[in-house]
Amino acid sequence: MTISSRVAAAVGASFLLFAAPAFAQTSAAPAAKSDAAAPMAKTAKPRSAESMECSKQADAKGLHGKERKKFRSECKKEAMGKKQ
């Protein structure tokens, strides 16, 4: 190794040693839940049996993305039509 490459390696190593603590995660206690998150939890409604069944069928077919969304939409419409 040449002297200049050794100097460059030493500078790089010292940068990592001194800069790493600045990027480390702090071990502060987690913040308490804010009131802003509470309304979202209350508005979330449970999934219907039809929705869960359609998801299981989509999983069995290996559908993902737009195909899965389209299949589930059609499946739920059919299930709701049979239910009424």
PDB file of N, CA and C in Angstrom:
ATOM      1  N   MET A   1       0.834  -1.181   0.000  1.00  0.00           N
ATOM      2  CA  MET A   1       0.000   0.000   0.000  1.00  0.00           C
ATOM      3  C   MET A   1       0.881   1.248   0.000  1.00  0.00           C
ATOM      4  N   THR A   2       0.449   2.233  -0.700  1.00  0.00           N
ATOM      5  CA  THR A   2       1.196   3.479  -0.700  1.00  0.00           C
ATOM      6  C   THR A   2       0.804   4.300   0.513  1.00  0.00           C
ATOM      7  N   ILE A   3       1.587   5.297   0.789  1.00  0.00           N
ATOM      8  CA  ILE A   3       1.324   6.137   1.955  1.00  0.00           C
ATOM      9  C   ILE A   3       0.004   6.872   1.786  1.00  0.00           C
ATOM     10  N   SER A   4      -0.293   7.345   0.584  1.00  0.00           N
ATOM     11  CA  SER A   4      -1.531   8.100   0.384  1.00  0.00           C
ATOM     12  C   SER A   4      -2.768   7.218   0.580  1.00  0.00           C
ATOM     13  N   SER A   5      -2.690   5.952   0.179  1.00  0.00           N
ATOM     14  CA  SER A   5      -3.835   5.071   0.386  1.00  0.00           C
ATOM     15  C   SER A   5      -3.997   4.718   1.860  1.00  0.00           C
ATOM     16  N   ARG A   6      -2.883   4.631   2.590  1.00  0.00           N
ATOM     17  CA  ARG A   6      -2.959   4.384   4.031  1.00  0.00           C
ATOM     18  C   ARG A   6      -3.570   5.579   4.752  1.00  0.00           C
ATOM     19  N   VAL A   7      -3.196   6.772   4.338  1.00  0.00           N
ATOM     20  CA  VAL A   7      -3.747   7.982   4.942  1.00  0.00           C
ATOM     21  C   VAL A   7      -5.250   8.054   4.660  1.00  0.00           C
ATOM     22  N   ALA A   8      -5.624   7.752   3.419  1.00  0.00           N
ATOM     23  CA  ALA A   8      -7.039   7.782   3.064  1.00  0.00           C
ATOM     24  C   ALA A   8      -7.824   6.760   3.882  1.00  0.00           C
ATOM     25  N   ALA A   9      -7.259   5.565   4.077  1.00  0.00           N
ATOM     26  CA  ALA A   9      -7.922   4.539   4.870  1.00  0.00           C
ATOM     27  C   ALA A   9      -8.050   4.984   6.328  1.00  0.00           C
ATOM     28  N   ALA A  10      -7.036   5.624   6.860  1.00  0.00           N
ATOM     29  CA  ALA A  10      -7.079   6.097   8.244  1.00  0.00           C
ATOM     30  C   ALA A  10      -8.118   7.200   8.409  1.00  0.00           C
ATOM     31  N   VAL A  11      -8.201   8.100   7.441  1.00  0.00           N
ATOM     32  CA  VAL A  11      -9.192   9.175   7.506  1.00  0.00           C
ATOM     33  C   VAL A  11     -10.595   8.584   7.440  1.00  0.00           C
ATOM     34  N   GLY A  12     -10.801   7.620   6.552  1.00  0.00           N
ATOM     35  CA  GLY A  12     -12.109   6.984   6.433  1.00  0.00           C
ATOM     36  C   GLY A  12     -12.501   6.255   7.706  1.00  0.00           C
ATOM     37  N   ALA A  13     -11.558   5.534   8.295  1.00  0.00           N
ATOM     38  CA  ALA A  13     -11.839   4.804   9.528  1.00  0.00           C
ATOM     39  C   ALA A  13     -12.143   5.756  10.676  1.00  0.00           C
ATOM     40  N   SER A  14     -11.402   6.844  10.756  1.00  0.00           N
ATOM     41  CA  SER A  14     -11.658   7.786  11.846  1.00  0.00           C
ATOM     42  C   SER A  14     -13.015   8.473  11.667  1.00  0.00           C
ATOM     43  N   PHE A  15     -13.378   8.729  10.409  1.00  0.00           N
ATOM     44  CA  PHE A  15     -14.699   9.306  10.166  1.00  0.00           C
ATOM     45  C   PHE A  15     -15.788   8.367  10.662  1.00  0.00           C
ATOM     46  N   LEU A  16     -15.651   7.073  10.372  1.00  0.00           N
ATOM     47  CA  LEU A  16     -16.652   6.101  10.813  1.00  0.00           C
ATOM     48  C   LEU A  16     -16.706   5.999  12.334  1.00  0.00           C
ATOM     49  N   LEU A  17     -15.554   6.074  12.973  1.00  0.00           N
ATOM     50  CA  LEU A  17     -15.520   5.979  14.434  1.00  0.00           C
ATOM     51  C   LEU A  17     -16.186   7.169  15.106  1.00  0.00           C
ATOM     52  N   PHE A  18     -15.964   8.366  14.559  1.00  0.00           N
ATOM     53  CA  PHE A  18     -16.489   9.559  15.201  1.00  0.00           C
ATOM     54  C   PHE A  18     -17.902   9.912  14.737  1.00  0.00           C
ATOM     55  N   ALA A  19     -18.271   9.516  13.541  1.00  0.00           N
ATOM     56  CA  ALA A  19     -19.581   9.877  13.014  1.00  0.00           C
ATOM     57  C   ALA A  19     -20.644   8.831  13.334  1.00  0.00           C
ATOM     58  N   ALA A  20     -20.263   7.602  13.585  1.00  0.00           N
ATOM     59  CA  ALA A  20     -21.222   6.527  13.817  1.00  0.00           C
ATOM     60  C   ALA A  20     -22.171   6.807  14.978  1.00  0.00           C
ATOM     61  N   PRO A  21     -21.715   7.330  16.110  1.00  0.00           N
ATOM     62  CA  PRO A  21     -22.662   7.599  17.206  1.00  0.00           C
ATOM     63  C   PRO A  21     -23.743   8.606  16.831  1.00  0.00           C
ATOM     64  N   ALA A  22     -23.459   9.491  15.906  1.00  0.00           N
ATOM     65  CA  ALA A  22     -24.454  10.473  15.498  1.00  0.00           C
ATOM     66  C   ALA A  22     -25.603   9.821  14.742  1.00  0.00           C
ATOM     67  N   PHE A  23     -25.329   8.709  14.074  1.00  0.00           N
ATOM     68  CA  PHE A  23     -26.355   8.021  13.300  1.00  0.00           C
ATOM     69  C   PHE A  23     -27.013   6.877  14.059  1.00  0.00           C
ATOM     70  N   ALA A  24     -26.528   6.571  15.242  1.00  0.00           N
ATOM     71  CA  ALA A  24     -27.067   5.463  16.012  1.00  0.00           C
ATOM     72  C   ALA A  24     -28.455   5.813  16.538  1.00  0.00           C
ATOM     73  N   GLN A  25     -29.264   4.789  16.729  1.00  0.00           N
ATOM     74  CA  GLN A  25     -30.592   5.002  17.280  1.00  0.00           C
ATOM     75  C   GLN A  25     -30.473   5.289  18.767  1.00  0.00           C
ATOM     76  N   THR A  26     -31.314   6.150  19.234  1.00  0.00           N
ATOM     77  CA  THR A  26     -31.312   6.442  20.656  1.00  0.00           C
ATOM     78  C   THR A  26     -32.174   5.415  21.370  1.00  0.00           C
ATOM     79  N   SER A  27     -31.928   5.233  22.636  1.00  0.00           N
ATOM     80  CA  SER A  27     -32.698   4.261  23.408  1.00  0.00           C
ATOM     81  C   SER A  27     -33.716   4.977  24.287  1.00  0.00           C
ATOM     82  N   ALA A  28     -34.294   6.038  23.777  1.00  0.00           N
ATOM     83  CA  ALA A  28     -35.295   6.790  24.534  1.00  0.00           C
ATOM     84  C   ALA A  28     -36.562   5.948  24.666  1.00  0.00           C
ATOM     85  N   ALA A  29     -37.287   6.195  25.702  1.00  0.00           N
ATOM     86  CA  ALA A  29     -38.532   5.461  25.927  1.00  0.00           C
ATOM     87  C   ALA A  29     -39.523   5.818  24.829  1.00  0.00           C
ATOM     88  N   PRO A  30     -40.340   4.864  24.404  1.00  0.00           N
ATOM     89  CA  PRO A  30     -41.309   5.163  23.354  1.00  0.00           C
ATOM     90  C   PRO A  30     -42.314   6.208  23.831  1.00  0.00           C
ATOM     91  N   ALA A  31     -42.713   7.044  22.912  1.00  0.00           N
ATOM     92  CA  ALA A  31     -43.668   8.102  23.248  1.00  0.00           C
ATOM     93  C   ALA A  31     -45.043   7.501  23.495  1.00  0.00           C
ATOM     94  N   ALA A  32     -45.787   8.152  24.324  1.00  0.00           N
ATOM     95  CA  ALA A  32     -47.152   7.708  24.600  1.00  0.00           C
ATOM     96  C   ALA A  32     -47.988   7.892  23.346  1.00  0.00           C
ATOM     97  N   LYS A  33     -49.017   7.084  23.219  1.00  0.00           N
ATOM     98  CA  LYS A  33     -49.888   7.201  22.052  1.00  0.00           C
ATOM     99  C   LYS A  33     -50.568   8.557  22.064  1.00  0.00           C
ATOM    100  N   SER A  34     -50.551   9.182  20.915  1.00  0.00           N
ATOM    101  CA  SER A  34     -51.182  10.497  20.825  1.00  0.00           C
ATOM    102  C   SER A  34     -52.671  10.342  20.565  1.00  0.00           C
ATOM    103  N   ASP A  35     -53.402  11.406  20.818  1.00  0.00           N
ATOM    104  CA  ASP A  35     -54.842  11.393  20.584  1.00  0.00           C
ATOM    105  C   ASP A  35     -55.165  11.361  19.095  1.00  0.00           C
ATOM    106  N   ALA A  36     -54.215  11.786  18.259  1.00  0.00           N
ATOM    107  CA  ALA A  36     -54.451  11.813  16.814  1.00  0.00           C
ATOM    108  C   ALA A  36     -54.595  10.397  16.259  1.00  0.00           C
ATOM    109  N   ALA A  37     -53.924   9.427  16.857  1.00  0.00           N
ATOM    110  CA  ALA A  37     -53.998   8.049  16.370  1.00  0.00           C
ATOM    111  C   ALA A  37     -55.281   7.353  16.816  1.00  0.00           C
ATOM    112  N   ALA A  38     -55.874   7.809  17.898  1.00  0.00           N
ATOM    113  CA  ALA A  38     -57.054   7.158  18.438  1.00  0.00           C
ATOM    114  C   ALA A  38     -58.243   7.164  17.487  1.00  0.00           C
ATOM    115  N   PRO A  39     -58.584   8.273  16.825  1.00  0.00           N
ATOM    116  CA  PRO A  39     -59.746   8.248  15.934  1.00  0.00           C
ATOM    117  C   PRO A  39     -59.596   7.252  14.789  1.00  0.00           C
ATOM    118  N   MET A  40     -58.388   7.075  14.290  1.00  0.00           N
ATOM    119  CA  MET A  40     -58.192   6.132  13.197  1.00  0.00           C
ATOM    120  C   MET A  40     -58.498   4.707  13.649  1.00  0.00           C
ATOM    121  N   ALA A  41     -58.118   4.376  14.867  1.00  0.00           N
ATOM    122  CA  ALA A  41     -58.367   3.034  15.372  1.00  0.00           C
ATOM    123  C   ALA A  41     -59.865   2.796  15.545  1.00  0.00           C
ATOM    124  N   LYS A  42     -60.595   3.820  15.921  1.00  0.00           N
ATOM    125  CA  LYS A  42     -62.033   3.676  16.138  1.00  0.00           C
ATOM    126  C   LYS A  42     -62.793   3.547  14.830  1.00  0.00           C
ATOM    127  N   THR A  43     -62.300   4.181  13.759  1.00  0.00           N
ATOM    128  CA  THR A  43     -63.023   4.165  12.495  1.00  0.00           C
ATOM    129  C   THR A  43     -62.764   2.886  11.703  1.00  0.00           C
ATOM    130  N   ALA A  44     -61.725   2.139  12.036  1.00  0.00           N
ATOM    131  CA  ALA A  44     -61.431   0.902  11.312  1.00  0.00           C
ATOM    132  C   ALA A  44     -62.509  -0.127  11.648  1.00  0.00           C
ATOM    133  N   LYS A  45     -63.164  -0.637  10.624  1.00  0.00           N
ATOM    134  CA  LYS A  45     -64.228  -1.605  10.867  1.00  0.00           C
ATOM    135  C   LYS A  45     -63.713  -3.015  10.611  1.00  0.00           C
ATOM    136  N   PRO A  46     -64.250  -3.991  11.298  1.00  0.00           N
ATOM    137  CA  PRO A  46     -63.790  -5.360  11.110  1.00  0.00           C
ATOM    138  C   PRO A  46     -64.147  -5.862   9.715  1.00  0.00           C
ATOM    139  N   ARG A  47     -63.341  -6.771   9.225  1.00  0.00           N
ATOM    140  CA  ARG A  47     -63.587  -7.331   7.899  1.00  0.00           C
ATOM    141  C   ARG A  47     -64.749  -8.312   7.965  1.00  0.00           C
ATOM    142  N   SER A  48     -65.549  -8.287   6.918  1.00  0.00           N
ATOM    143  CA  SER A  48     -66.707  -9.180   6.873  1.00  0.00           C
ATOM    144  C   SER A  48     -66.262 -10.595   6.523  1.00  0.00           C
ATOM    145  N   ALA A  49     -67.157 -11.537   6.769  1.00  0.00           N
ATOM    146  CA  ALA A  49     -66.865 -12.932   6.442  1.00  0.00           C
ATOM    147  C   ALA A  49     -66.673 -13.090   4.936  1.00  0.00           C
ATOM    148  N   GLU A  50     -67.452 -12.327   4.149  1.00  0.00           N
ATOM    149  CA  GLU A  50     -67.327 -12.394   2.694  1.00  0.00           C
ATOM    150  C   GLU A  50     -65.958 -11.914   2.247  1.00  0.00           C
ATOM    151  N   SER A  51     -65.497 -10.822   2.848  1.00  0.00           N
ATOM    152  CA  SER A  51     -64.194 -10.256   2.502  1.00  0.00           C
ATOM    153  C   SER A  51     -63.074 -11.239   2.815  1.00  0.00           C
ATOM    154  N   MET A  52     -63.159 -11.871   3.986  1.00  0.00           N
ATOM    155  CA  MET A  52     -62.125 -12.829   4.383  1.00  0.00           C
ATOM    156  C   MET A  52     -62.140 -14.058   3.479  1.00  0.00           C
ATOM    157  N   GLU A  53     -63.318 -14.518   3.105  1.00  0.00           N
ATOM    158  CA  GLU A  53     -63.418 -15.679   2.227  1.00  0.00           C
ATOM    159  C   GLU A  53     -62.843 -15.361   0.847  1.00  0.00           C
ATOM    160  N   CYS A  54     -63.148 -14.168   0.333  1.00  0.00           N
ATOM    161  CA  CYS A  54     -62.613 -13.767  -0.969  1.00  0.00           C
ATOM    162  C   CYS A  54     -61.087 -13.648  -0.917  1.00  0.00           C
ATOM    163  N   SER A  55     -60.548 -13.178   0.205  1.00  0.00           N
ATOM    164  CA  SER A  55     -59.095 -13.097   0.362  1.00  0.00           C
ATOM    165  C   SER A  55     -58.475 -14.486   0.352  1.00  0.00           C
ATOM    166  N   LYS A  56     -59.123 -15.433   1.013  1.00  0.00           N
ATOM    167  CA  LYS A  56     -58.617 -16.807   1.027  1.00  0.00           C
ATOM    168  C   LYS A  56     -58.612 -17.397  -0.380  1.00  0.00           C
ATOM    169  N   GLN A  57     -59.662 -17.116  -1.147  1.00  0.00           N
ATOM    170  CA  GLN A  57     -59.725 -17.612  -2.518  1.00  0.00           C
ATOM    171  C   GLN A  57     -58.634 -16.976  -3.375  1.00  0.00           C
ATOM    172  N   ALA A  58     -58.396 -15.680  -3.179  1.00  0.00           N
ATOM    173  CA  ALA A  58     -57.348 -14.989  -3.932  1.00  0.00           C
ATOM    174  C   ALA A  58     -55.975 -15.544  -3.571  1.00  0.00           C
ATOM    175  N   ASP A  59     -55.772 -15.860  -2.291  1.00  0.00           N
ATOM    176  CA  ASP A  59     -54.512 -16.473  -1.866  1.00  0.00           C
ATOM    177  C   ASP A  59     -54.324 -17.829  -2.532  1.00  0.00           C
ATOM    178  N   ALA A  60     -55.395 -18.617  -2.585  1.00  0.00           N
ATOM    179  CA  ALA A  60     -55.318 -19.948  -3.181  1.00  0.00           C
ATOM    180  C   ALA A  60     -54.971 -19.866  -4.666  1.00  0.00           C
ATOM    181  N   LYS A  61     -55.438 -18.814  -5.328  1.00  0.00           N
ATOM    182  CA  LYS A  61     -55.148 -18.636  -6.750  1.00  0.00           C
ATOM    183  C   LYS A  61     -53.803 -17.958  -6.979  1.00  0.00           C
ATOM    184  N   GLY A  62     -53.187 -17.467  -5.909  1.00  0.00           N
ATOM    185  CA  GLY A  62     -51.889 -16.802  -6.025  1.00  0.00           C
ATOM    186  C   GLY A  62     -51.966 -15.435  -6.677  1.00  0.00           C
ATOM    187  N   LEU A  63     -53.074 -14.730  -6.486  1.00  0.00           N
ATOM    188  CA  LEU A  63     -53.259 -13.423  -7.108  1.00  0.00           C
ATOM    189  C   LEU A  63     -52.583 -12.326  -6.298  1.00  0.00           C
ATOM    190  N   HIS A  64     -52.027 -11.347  -7.006  1.00  0.00           N
ATOM    191  CA  HIS A  64     -51.371 -10.204  -6.365  1.00  0.00           C
ATOM    192  C   HIS A  64     -51.693  -8.950  -7.155  1.00  0.00           C
ATOM    193  N   GLY A  65     -51.591  -7.808  -6.486  1.00  0.00           N
ATOM    194  CA  GLY A  65     -51.725  -6.521  -7.152  1.00  0.00           C
ATOM    195  C   GLY A  65     -53.113  -6.251  -7.692  1.00  0.00           C
ATOM    196  N   LYS A  66     -53.139  -5.712  -8.919  1.00  0.00           N
ATOM    197  CA  LYS A  66     -54.407  -5.302  -9.521  1.00  0.00           C
ATOM    198  C   LYS A  66     -55.329  -6.494  -9.752  1.00  0.00           C
ATOM    199  N   GLU A  67     -54.755  -7.642 -10.136  1.00  0.00           N
ATOM    200  CA  GLU A  67     -55.586  -8.826 -10.367  1.00  0.00           C
ATOM    201  C   GLU A  67     -56.301  -9.243  -9.088  1.00  0.00           C
ATOM    202  N   ARG A  68     -55.576  -9.194  -7.963  1.00  0.00           N
ATOM    203  CA  ARG A  68     -56.163  -9.572  -6.676  1.00  0.00           C
ATOM    204  C   ARG A  68     -57.281  -8.598  -6.297  1.00  0.00           C
ATOM    205  N   LYS A  69     -57.021  -7.302  -6.471  1.00  0.00           N
ATOM    206  CA  LYS A  69     -58.016  -6.285  -6.119  1.00  0.00           C
ATOM    207  C   LYS A  69     -59.285  -6.473  -6.953  1.00  0.00           C
ATOM    208  N   LYS A  70     -59.119  -6.714  -8.250  1.00  0.00           N
ATOM    209  CA  LYS A  70     -60.266  -6.906  -9.134  1.00  0.00           C
ATOM    210  C   LYS A  70     -61.036  -8.169  -8.746  1.00  0.00           C
ATOM    211  N   PHE A  71     -60.312  -9.257  -8.481  1.00  0.00           N
ATOM    212  CA  PHE A  71     -60.955 -10.513  -8.104  1.00  0.00           C
ATOM    213  C   PHE A  71     -61.746 -10.354  -6.810  1.00  0.00           C
ATOM    214  N   ARG A  72     -61.136  -9.721  -5.797  1.00  0.00           N
ATOM    215  CA  ARG A  72     -61.811  -9.554  -4.507  1.00  0.00           C
ATOM    216  C   ARG A  72     -63.053  -8.685  -4.652  1.00  0.00           C
ATOM    217  N   SER A  73     -62.971  -7.639  -5.467  1.00  0.00           N
ATOM    218  CA  SER A  73     -64.113  -6.758  -5.670  1.00  0.00           C
ATOM    219  C   SER A  73     -65.283  -7.526  -6.272  1.00  0.00           C
ATOM    220  N   GLU A  74     -65.008  -8.295  -7.320  1.00  0.00           N
ATOM    221  CA  GLU A  74     -66.061  -9.076  -7.975  1.00  0.00           C
ATOM    222  C   GLU A  74     -66.596 -10.163  -7.047  1.00  0.00           C
ATOM    223  N   CYS A  75     -65.700 -10.789  -6.304  1.00  0.00           N
ATOM    224  CA  CYS A  75     -66.084 -11.858  -5.379  1.00  0.00           C
ATOM    225  C   CYS A  75     -67.020 -11.318  -4.295  1.00  0.00           C
ATOM    226  N   LYS A  76     -66.675 -10.164  -3.737  1.00  0.00           N
ATOM    227  CA  LYS A  76     -67.504  -9.589  -2.677  1.00  0.00           C
ATOM    228  C   LYS A  76     -68.869  -9.164  -3.212  1.00  0.00           C
ATOM    229  N   LYS A  77     -68.914  -8.632  -4.445  1.00  0.00           N
ATOM    230  CA  LYS A  77     -70.201  -8.256  -5.039  1.00  0.00           C
ATOM    231  C   LYS A  77     -71.090  -9.477  -5.206  1.00  0.00           C
ATOM    232  N   GLU A  78     -70.502 -10.577  -5.675  1.00  0.00           N
ATOM    233  CA  GLU A  78     -71.269 -11.812  -5.835  1.00  0.00           C
ATOM    234  C   GLU A  78     -71.744 -12.349  -4.487  1.00  0.00           C
ATOM    235  N   ALA A  79     -70.866 -12.309  -3.493  1.00  0.00           N
ATOM    236  CA  ALA A  79     -71.210 -12.819  -2.158  1.00  0.00           C
ATOM    237  C   ALA A  79     -72.331 -11.994  -1.534  1.00  0.00           C
ATOM    238  N   MET A  80     -72.276 -10.688  -1.706  1.00  0.00           N
ATOM    239  CA  MET A  80     -73.306  -9.826  -1.136  1.00  0.00           C
ATOM    240  C   MET A  80     -74.621 -10.025  -1.871  1.00  0.00           C
ATOM    241  N   GLY A  81     -74.577 -10.304  -3.176  1.00  0.00           N
ATOM    242  CA  GLY A  81     -75.788 -10.555  -3.949  1.00  0.00           C
ATOM    243  C   GLY A  81     -76.469 -11.838  -3.501  1.00  0.00           C
ATOM    244  N   LYS A  82     -75.686 -12.860  -3.206  1.00  0.00           N
ATOM    245  CA  LYS A  82     -76.245 -14.145  -2.741  1.00  0.00           C
ATOM    246  C   LYS A  82     -76.798 -14.016  -1.337  1.00  0.00           C
ATOM    247  N   LYS A  83     -76.212 -13.122  -0.533  1.00  0.00           N
ATOM    248  CA  LYS A  83     -76.617 -12.964   0.860  1.00  0.00           C
ATOM    249  C   LYS A  83     -78.001 -12.338   0.980  1.00  0.00           C
ATOM    250  N   GLN A  84     -78.351 -11.433   0.071  1.00  0.00           N
ATOM    251  CA  GLN A  84     -79.619 -10.700   0.177  1.00  0.00           C
ATOM    252  C   GLN A  84     -80.771 -11.478  -0.318  1.00  0.00           C
TER     253      GLN A  84
END
